[in-house]
Amino acid sequence: MAIKSKWTVLIQSLRVCMRVGVHPHEYDPQPVLVTLKVSGMTDSAPTSIDHCVDYDPLVKWLTETLPQLPRAGLLETRLNDIAQFVFSTDKRILGVWVGLYKAEAFANLALVGVEKEMSRRQFEEMQRKPRLRPPASAPAAKRVRKQAAA
């Protein structure tokens, strides 16, 4: 049996155009920088790509599939989509850290975004929990209360 080590794959500042944001001007694709750190237990002295966490399918998915997904209101949604893909690619992956940064959101700053770190265990627990519907918006909730009172 081969000796295993914890390896980290780093994909840093990959520029991807995607539809993400809550504002009308964000409905069109905008540049988002993706940074991804993936850790996994694989052979300490790999001799082939099969003995490694392969970054090629990760880069391919980020550049080809991610931009084609329907618009998401939140970067957090896309971040969870990325984590789901990463964990589905290789059972040896133990954890993922993802950063998503809008590159052109504000004229007076370089980047704004979100970051999240998740273990495989946390991801699997998240997948088991039923998803709750988002709360009603305040204006919609007020309309319902007014209609009920009438």
N, C-alpha and C. Protein backbone atom coordinates (compact mmCIF):
# COMPACT_ATOMS: atom_id res chain seq x y z
N MET A 1 0.84 -1.18 0.00
CA MET A 1 0.00 0.00 0.00
C MET A 1 0.89 1.25 0.00
N ALA A 2 0.57 2.20 -0.85
CA ALA A 2 1.36 3.43 -0.97
C ALA A 2 1.14 4.34 0.24
N ILE A 3 2.18 5.06 0.60
CA ILE A 3 2.08 6.04 1.67
C ILE A 3 1.34 7.25 1.11
N LYS A 4 0.39 7.77 1.88
CA LYS A 4 -0.43 8.90 1.44
C LYS A 4 0.05 10.19 2.09
N SER A 5 -0.14 11.28 1.36
CA SER A 5 0.14 12.63 1.86
C SER A 5 -1.02 13.54 1.50
N LYS A 6 -1.15 14.59 2.27
CA LYS A 6 -2.16 15.60 1.96
C LYS A 6 -1.55 16.59 0.97
N TRP A 7 -2.18 16.68 -0.19
CA TRP A 7 -1.75 17.58 -1.26
C TRP A 7 -2.77 18.70 -1.41
N THR A 8 -2.33 19.84 -1.91
CA THR A 8 -3.23 20.95 -2.20
C THR A 8 -3.06 21.37 -3.64
N VAL A 9 -4.17 21.47 -4.35
CA VAL A 9 -4.20 22.00 -5.71
C VAL A 9 -4.67 23.44 -5.61
N LEU A 10 -3.98 24.35 -6.27
CA LEU A 10 -4.33 25.77 -6.24
C LEU A 10 -4.63 26.25 -7.65
N ILE A 11 -5.80 26.84 -7.81
CA ILE A 11 -6.17 27.54 -9.04
C ILE A 11 -6.42 28.97 -8.59
N GLN A 12 -5.61 29.89 -9.07
CA GLN A 12 -5.65 31.25 -8.53
C GLN A 12 -6.04 32.27 -9.57
N SER A 13 -7.05 33.07 -9.21
CA SER A 13 -7.49 34.23 -10.01
C SER A 13 -7.84 33.86 -11.45
N LEU A 14 -8.57 32.77 -11.62
CA LEU A 14 -9.05 32.38 -12.94
C LEU A 14 -10.21 33.31 -13.30
N ARG A 15 -10.07 34.01 -14.41
CA ARG A 15 -11.09 34.97 -14.84
C ARG A 15 -12.17 34.23 -15.62
N VAL A 16 -13.42 34.32 -15.10
CA VAL A 16 -14.57 33.66 -15.71
C VAL A 16 -15.69 34.69 -15.81
N CYS A 17 -16.34 34.78 -16.95
CA CYS A 17 -17.50 35.65 -17.09
C CYS A 17 -18.74 34.83 -16.77
N MET A 18 -19.52 35.33 -15.82
CA MET A 18 -20.74 34.61 -15.41
C MET A 18 -21.84 35.59 -15.07
N ARG A 19 -23.06 35.06 -15.08
CA ARG A 19 -24.23 35.85 -14.73
C ARG A 19 -24.48 35.66 -13.24
N VAL A 20 -24.16 36.70 -12.48
CA VAL A 20 -24.37 36.61 -11.03
C VAL A 20 -24.56 38.02 -10.49
N GLY A 21 -25.58 38.16 -9.64
CA GLY A 21 -25.84 39.44 -9.01
C GLY A 21 -27.32 39.73 -8.91
N VAL A 22 -27.66 40.60 -7.99
CA VAL A 22 -29.06 40.94 -7.74
C VAL A 22 -29.50 42.20 -8.49
N HIS A 23 -28.56 42.96 -9.00
CA HIS A 23 -28.90 44.23 -9.67
C HIS A 23 -29.14 44.00 -11.16
N PRO A 24 -30.06 44.77 -11.76
CA PRO A 24 -30.34 44.60 -13.19
C PRO A 24 -29.11 44.69 -14.08
N HIS A 25 -28.15 45.56 -13.76
CA HIS A 25 -26.96 45.66 -14.60
C HIS A 25 -26.06 44.42 -14.48
N GLU A 26 -26.36 43.52 -13.54
CA GLU A 26 -25.58 42.29 -13.37
C GLU A 26 -26.23 41.09 -14.06
N TYR A 27 -27.32 41.31 -14.79
CA TYR A 27 -27.98 40.20 -15.48
C TYR A 27 -27.16 39.69 -16.65
N ASP A 28 -26.33 40.55 -17.20
CA ASP A 28 -25.41 40.14 -18.27
C ASP A 28 -24.15 39.56 -17.63
N PRO A 29 -23.43 38.72 -18.36
CA PRO A 29 -22.20 38.16 -17.80
C PRO A 29 -21.21 39.26 -17.37
N GLN A 30 -20.56 39.03 -16.25
CA GLN A 30 -19.55 39.95 -15.75
C GLN A 30 -18.32 39.15 -15.31
N PRO A 31 -17.15 39.78 -15.34
CA PRO A 31 -15.94 39.05 -14.94
C PRO A 31 -15.90 38.77 -13.44
N VAL A 32 -15.63 37.52 -13.12
CA VAL A 32 -15.48 37.08 -11.73
C VAL A 32 -14.18 36.30 -11.66
N LEU A 33 -13.37 36.62 -10.68
CA LEU A 33 -12.13 35.87 -10.45
C LEU A 33 -12.42 34.73 -9.50
N VAL A 34 -11.97 33.54 -9.87
CA VAL A 34 -12.18 32.34 -9.08
C VAL A 34 -10.83 31.87 -8.54
N THR A 35 -10.76 31.71 -7.24
CA THR A 35 -9.59 31.09 -6.62
C THR A 35 -10.08 29.86 -5.87
N LEU A 36 -9.37 28.78 -6.08
CA LEU A 36 -9.81 27.49 -5.56
C LEU A 36 -8.61 26.77 -4.96
N LYS A 37 -8.76 26.29 -3.73
CA LYS A 37 -7.76 25.43 -3.09
C LYS A 37 -8.46 24.12 -2.76
N VAL A 38 -7.94 23.05 -3.28
CA VAL A 38 -8.53 21.73 -3.09
C VAL A 38 -7.50 20.85 -2.39
N SER A 39 -7.87 20.27 -1.27
CA SER A 39 -6.94 19.37 -0.56
C SER A 39 -7.46 17.94 -0.63
N GLY A 40 -6.51 17.04 -0.77
CA GLY A 40 -6.87 15.63 -0.85
C GLY A 40 -5.72 14.74 -0.42
N MET A 41 -6.07 13.53 -0.03
CA MET A 41 -5.06 12.53 0.37
C MET A 41 -4.79 11.63 -0.82
N THR A 42 -3.58 11.72 -1.33
CA THR A 42 -3.17 10.88 -2.46
C THR A 42 -1.75 10.38 -2.21
N ASP A 43 -1.24 9.62 -3.14
CA ASP A 43 0.09 9.02 -2.99
C ASP A 43 1.16 10.07 -2.69
N SER A 44 2.05 9.74 -1.78
CA SER A 44 3.15 10.64 -1.42
C SER A 44 4.14 10.84 -2.56
N ALA A 45 4.32 9.81 -3.38
CA ALA A 45 5.25 9.88 -4.51
C ALA A 45 4.52 9.41 -5.78
N PRO A 46 3.62 10.26 -6.30
CA PRO A 46 2.82 9.83 -7.45
C PRO A 46 3.68 9.59 -8.68
N THR A 47 3.25 8.62 -9.46
CA THR A 47 3.96 8.30 -10.70
C THR A 47 3.08 8.51 -11.93
N SER A 48 1.79 8.81 -11.70
CA SER A 48 0.90 9.12 -12.82
C SER A 48 -0.20 10.06 -12.32
N ILE A 49 -0.91 10.66 -13.26
CA ILE A 49 -1.97 11.60 -12.91
C ILE A 49 -3.08 10.91 -12.11
N ASP A 50 -3.25 9.62 -12.28
CA ASP A 50 -4.25 8.87 -11.52
C ASP A 50 -3.95 8.86 -10.03
N HIS A 51 -2.71 9.12 -9.66
CA HIS A 51 -2.29 9.13 -8.26
C HIS A 51 -2.35 10.53 -7.66
N CYS A 52 -2.91 11.48 -8.40
CA CYS A 52 -2.97 12.88 -7.99
C CYS A 52 -4.40 13.40 -8.01
N VAL A 53 -4.63 14.54 -7.34
CA VAL A 53 -5.86 15.28 -7.55
C VAL A 53 -5.62 16.09 -8.82
N ASP A 54 -6.37 15.77 -9.86
CA ASP A 54 -6.16 16.35 -11.18
C ASP A 54 -6.88 17.69 -11.29
N TYR A 55 -6.14 18.74 -11.58
CA TYR A 55 -6.75 20.06 -11.71
C TYR A 55 -7.37 20.31 -13.08
N ASP A 56 -7.04 19.50 -14.07
CA ASP A 56 -7.55 19.72 -15.41
C ASP A 56 -9.08 19.71 -15.48
N PRO A 57 -9.77 18.70 -14.91
CA PRO A 57 -11.24 18.75 -14.98
C PRO A 57 -11.84 19.92 -14.21
N LEU A 58 -11.14 20.38 -13.18
CA LEU A 58 -11.61 21.54 -12.42
C LEU A 58 -11.57 22.79 -13.28
N VAL A 59 -10.43 23.03 -13.91
CA VAL A 59 -10.28 24.21 -14.77
C VAL A 59 -11.26 24.15 -15.94
N LYS A 60 -11.40 22.97 -16.51
CA LYS A 60 -12.32 22.82 -17.65
C LYS A 60 -13.75 23.15 -17.23
N TRP A 61 -14.21 22.65 -16.10
CA TRP A 61 -15.57 22.92 -15.64
C TRP A 61 -15.75 24.41 -15.32
N LEU A 62 -14.76 24.99 -14.66
CA LEU A 62 -14.84 26.41 -14.30
C LEU A 62 -14.91 27.31 -15.54
N THR A 63 -14.19 26.94 -16.59
CA THR A 63 -14.14 27.80 -17.78
C THR A 63 -15.22 27.48 -18.81
N GLU A 64 -15.71 26.24 -18.82
CA GLU A 64 -16.69 25.87 -19.84
C GLU A 64 -18.12 25.74 -19.32
N THR A 65 -18.30 25.14 -18.16
CA THR A 65 -19.65 24.89 -17.65
C THR A 65 -20.16 26.03 -16.77
N LEU A 66 -19.35 26.50 -15.84
CA LEU A 66 -19.77 27.55 -14.92
C LEU A 66 -20.33 28.77 -15.65
N PRO A 67 -19.70 29.27 -16.72
CA PRO A 67 -20.25 30.44 -17.40
C PRO A 67 -21.61 30.18 -18.07
N GLN A 68 -21.95 28.93 -18.31
CA GLN A 68 -23.20 28.58 -18.98
C GLN A 68 -24.38 28.39 -18.02
N LEU A 69 -24.12 28.38 -16.71
CA LEU A 69 -25.20 28.19 -15.74
C LEU A 69 -26.13 29.40 -15.76
N PRO A 70 -27.41 29.18 -15.46
CA PRO A 70 -28.35 30.31 -15.41
C PRO A 70 -27.90 31.33 -14.36
N ARG A 71 -28.37 32.54 -14.51
CA ARG A 71 -28.01 33.61 -13.57
C ARG A 71 -28.36 33.22 -12.14
N ALA A 72 -27.45 33.53 -11.24
CA ALA A 72 -27.68 33.36 -9.80
C ALA A 72 -27.66 34.74 -9.16
N GLY A 73 -28.52 34.96 -8.21
CA GLY A 73 -28.55 36.24 -7.53
C GLY A 73 -27.34 36.47 -6.63
N LEU A 74 -26.79 35.39 -6.11
CA LEU A 74 -25.72 35.50 -5.11
C LEU A 74 -24.45 34.78 -5.52
N LEU A 75 -23.32 35.38 -5.21
CA LEU A 75 -22.04 34.68 -5.38
C LEU A 75 -22.01 33.41 -4.53
N GLU A 76 -22.65 33.46 -3.38
CA GLU A 76 -22.68 32.31 -2.49
C GLU A 76 -23.29 31.08 -3.17
N THR A 77 -24.30 31.30 -4.02
CA THR A 77 -24.91 30.20 -4.77
C THR A 77 -23.88 29.56 -5.70
N ARG A 78 -23.16 30.39 -6.44
CA ARG A 78 -22.14 29.86 -7.36
C ARG A 78 -21.01 29.19 -6.59
N LEU A 79 -20.65 29.75 -5.45
CA LEU A 79 -19.61 29.15 -4.63
C LEU A 79 -20.00 27.73 -4.22
N ASN A 80 -21.25 27.54 -3.80
CA ASN A 80 -21.71 26.21 -3.43
C ASN A 80 -21.79 25.28 -4.64
N ASP A 81 -22.12 25.82 -5.81
CA ASP A 81 -22.11 25.01 -7.04
C ASP A 81 -20.70 24.50 -7.32
N ILE A 82 -19.72 25.36 -7.14
CA ILE A 82 -18.32 24.97 -7.37
C ILE A 82 -17.92 23.88 -6.39
N ALA A 83 -18.24 24.07 -5.11
CA ALA A 83 -17.90 23.06 -4.10
C ALA A 83 -18.54 21.72 -4.45
N GLN A 84 -19.79 21.74 -4.88
CA GLN A 84 -20.47 20.50 -5.24
C GLN A 84 -19.74 19.79 -6.38
N PHE A 85 -19.34 20.55 -7.39
CA PHE A 85 -18.62 19.93 -8.50
C PHE A 85 -17.29 19.34 -8.03
N VAL A 86 -16.55 20.11 -7.25
CA VAL A 86 -15.23 19.65 -6.79
C VAL A 86 -15.36 18.34 -6.02
N PHE A 87 -16.28 18.28 -5.06
CA PHE A 87 -16.41 17.07 -4.26
C PHE A 87 -16.89 15.89 -5.11
N SER A 88 -17.61 16.16 -6.19
CA SER A 88 -18.10 15.06 -7.03
C SER A 88 -17.02 14.48 -7.93
N THR A 89 -15.89 15.18 -8.11
CA THR A 89 -14.88 14.73 -9.07
C THR A 89 -13.97 13.63 -8.54
N ASP A 90 -13.75 13.60 -7.21
CA ASP A 90 -12.75 12.68 -6.68
C ASP A 90 -13.03 12.43 -5.20
N LYS A 91 -13.25 11.20 -4.84
CA LYS A 91 -13.57 10.84 -3.45
C LYS A 91 -12.39 11.08 -2.50
N ARG A 92 -11.20 11.26 -3.04
CA ARG A 92 -10.02 11.52 -2.20
C ARG A 92 -9.95 12.96 -1.73
N ILE A 93 -10.80 13.83 -2.28
CA ILE A 93 -10.79 15.24 -1.89
C ILE A 93 -11.38 15.37 -0.49
N LEU A 94 -10.63 16.02 0.38
CA LEU A 94 -11.02 16.18 1.78
C LEU A 94 -11.66 17.53 2.06
N GLY A 95 -11.24 18.56 1.32
CA GLY A 95 -11.73 19.89 1.59
C GLY A 95 -11.52 20.81 0.42
N VAL A 96 -12.27 21.91 0.46
CA VAL A 96 -12.17 22.90 -0.60
C VAL A 96 -12.30 24.29 0.02
N TRP A 97 -11.55 25.21 -0.52
CA TRP A 97 -11.65 26.63 -0.18
C TRP A 97 -11.89 27.34 -1.50
N VAL A 98 -12.95 28.15 -1.55
CA VAL A 98 -13.30 28.86 -2.78
C VAL A 98 -13.42 30.34 -2.48
N GLY A 99 -12.87 31.15 -3.36
CA GLY A 99 -13.07 32.60 -3.33
C GLY A 99 -13.60 33.05 -4.67
N LEU A 100 -14.67 33.83 -4.65
CA LEU A 100 -15.24 34.43 -5.86
C LEU A 100 -15.23 35.94 -5.69
N TYR A 101 -14.69 36.63 -6.68
CA TYR A 101 -14.49 38.08 -6.56
C TYR A 101 -14.96 38.78 -7.83
N LYS A 102 -15.91 39.69 -7.68
CA LYS A 102 -16.34 40.50 -8.81
C LYS A 102 -15.24 41.51 -9.10
N ALA A 103 -14.79 41.52 -10.36
CA ALA A 103 -13.65 42.35 -10.73
C ALA A 103 -14.03 43.76 -11.15
N GLU A 104 -15.30 43.98 -11.47
CA GLU A 104 -15.71 45.30 -11.96
C GLU A 104 -16.97 45.82 -11.27
N ALA A 105 -17.21 45.39 -10.04
CA ALA A 105 -18.43 45.77 -9.34
C ALA A 105 -18.43 47.24 -8.94
N PHE A 106 -17.28 47.76 -8.56
CA PHE A 106 -17.17 49.15 -8.14
C PHE A 106 -15.95 49.77 -8.78
N ALA A 107 -16.07 51.00 -9.19
CA ALA A 107 -14.97 51.67 -9.88
C ALA A 107 -13.79 51.95 -8.96
N ASN A 108 -14.03 52.13 -7.67
CA ASN A 108 -12.98 52.56 -6.76
C ASN A 108 -12.36 51.44 -5.93
N LEU A 109 -12.57 50.16 -6.32
CA LEU A 109 -11.89 49.08 -5.63
C LEU A 109 -11.57 47.96 -6.60
N ALA A 110 -10.54 47.21 -6.27
CA ALA A 110 -10.07 46.16 -7.19
C ALA A 110 -11.01 44.97 -7.23
N LEU A 111 -11.44 44.49 -6.09
CA LEU A 111 -12.27 43.28 -6.02
C LEU A 111 -13.23 43.37 -4.85
N VAL A 112 -14.35 42.69 -5.00
CA VAL A 112 -15.27 42.47 -3.88
C VAL A 112 -15.84 41.07 -4.07
N GLY A 113 -15.93 40.32 -2.98
CA GLY A 113 -16.41 38.96 -3.16
C GLY A 113 -16.62 38.22 -1.87
N VAL A 114 -16.73 36.90 -2.00
CA VAL A 114 -16.97 36.02 -0.86
C VAL A 114 -15.99 34.86 -0.91
N GLU A 115 -15.74 34.28 0.26
CA GLU A 115 -14.85 33.14 0.39
C GLU A 115 -15.49 32.14 1.34
N LYS A 116 -15.22 30.86 1.10
CA LYS A 116 -15.77 29.83 1.98
C LYS A 116 -14.84 28.62 1.97
N GLU A 117 -14.66 28.04 3.15
CA GLU A 117 -13.92 26.80 3.28
C GLU A 117 -14.89 25.73 3.77
N MET A 118 -14.77 24.54 3.20
CA MET A 118 -15.70 23.47 3.54
C MET A 118 -14.99 22.12 3.49
N SER A 119 -15.22 21.32 4.50
CA SER A 119 -14.70 19.95 4.49
C SER A 119 -15.70 19.06 3.76
N ARG A 120 -15.25 17.89 3.38
CA ARG A 120 -16.17 16.93 2.75
C ARG A 120 -17.31 16.61 3.71
N ARG A 121 -17.00 16.45 4.97
CA ARG A 121 -18.04 16.14 5.97
C ARG A 121 -19.08 17.25 6.04
N GLN A 122 -18.64 18.50 6.08
CA GLN A 122 -19.59 19.62 6.10
C GLN A 122 -20.44 19.63 4.83
N PHE A 123 -19.80 19.37 3.70
CA PHE A 123 -20.53 19.35 2.43
C PHE A 123 -21.59 18.25 2.45
N GLU A 124 -21.23 17.06 2.88
CA GLU A 124 -22.18 15.95 2.91
C GLU A 124 -23.33 16.22 3.87
N GLU A 125 -23.05 16.85 5.01
CA GLU A 125 -24.12 17.23 5.94
C GLU A 125 -25.05 18.26 5.31
N MET A 126 -24.48 19.21 4.60
CA MET A 126 -25.27 20.23 3.92
C MET A 126 -26.18 19.59 2.87
N GLN A 127 -25.69 18.58 2.18
CA GLN A 127 -26.48 17.91 1.15
C GLN A 127 -27.64 17.11 1.74
N ARG A 128 -27.49 16.63 2.98
CA ARG A 128 -28.55 15.84 3.61
C ARG A 128 -29.69 16.70 4.15
N LYS A 129 -29.40 17.95 4.49
CA LYS A 129 -30.43 18.82 5.08
C LYS A 129 -31.38 19.30 4.00
N PRO A 130 -32.69 19.30 4.29
CA PRO A 130 -33.63 19.82 3.30
C PRO A 130 -33.43 21.32 3.12
N ARG A 131 -33.53 21.74 1.89
CA ARG A 131 -33.37 23.17 1.60
C ARG A 131 -34.66 23.90 1.92
N LEU A 132 -34.52 25.00 2.63
CA LEU A 132 -35.67 25.81 2.97
C LEU A 132 -35.90 26.86 1.89
N ARG A 133 -37.15 27.21 1.70
CA ARG A 133 -37.44 28.27 0.74
C ARG A 133 -36.96 29.58 1.33
N PRO A 134 -36.48 30.50 0.49
CA PRO A 134 -36.05 31.79 1.01
C PRO A 134 -37.24 32.55 1.59
N PRO A 135 -37.00 33.40 2.58
CA PRO A 135 -38.10 34.15 3.17
C PRO A 135 -38.72 35.09 2.13
N ALA A 136 -40.01 35.37 2.31
CA ALA A 136 -40.69 36.29 1.40
C ALA A 136 -40.06 37.67 1.53
N SER A 137 -40.03 38.39 0.44
CA SER A 137 -39.49 39.76 0.50
C SER A 137 -40.41 40.61 1.35
N ALA A 138 -39.87 41.63 1.93
CA ALA A 138 -40.66 42.49 2.81
C ALA A 138 -41.88 43.09 2.10
N PRO A 139 -41.74 43.66 0.90
CA PRO A 139 -42.91 44.24 0.23
C PRO A 139 -43.98 43.18 -0.05
N ALA A 140 -43.59 41.99 -0.46
CA ALA A 140 -44.56 40.93 -0.74
C ALA A 140 -45.26 40.52 0.55
N ALA A 141 -44.52 40.41 1.64
CA ALA A 141 -45.11 40.03 2.91
C ALA A 141 -46.11 41.08 3.37
N LYS A 142 -45.82 42.37 3.17
CA LYS A 142 -46.75 43.44 3.54
C LYS A 142 -48.02 43.34 2.72
N ARG A 143 -47.91 43.06 1.42
CA ARG A 143 -49.11 42.92 0.56
C ARG A 143 -49.99 41.79 1.06
N VAL A 144 -49.39 40.68 1.44
CA VAL A 144 -50.17 39.53 1.93
C VAL A 144 -50.90 39.90 3.21
N ARG A 145 -50.20 40.59 4.12
CA ARG A 145 -50.84 41.00 5.39
C ARG A 145 -51.99 41.97 5.12
N LYS A 146 -51.80 42.92 4.19
CA LYS A 146 -52.85 43.89 3.87
C LYS A 146 -54.06 43.18 3.28
N GLN A 147 -53.82 42.22 2.38
CA GLN A 147 -54.92 41.49 1.75
C GLN A 147 -55.67 40.66 2.80
N ALA A 148 -54.95 40.07 3.73
CA ALA A 148 -55.57 39.25 4.77
C ALA A 148 -56.40 40.11 5.71
N ALA A 149 -55.97 41.35 5.96
CA ALA A 149 -56.68 42.24 6.85
C ALA A 149 -57.95 42.79 6.21
N ALA A 150 -57.99 42.84 4.89
CA ALA A 150 -59.14 43.44 4.19
C ALA A 150 -60.37 42.55 4.21
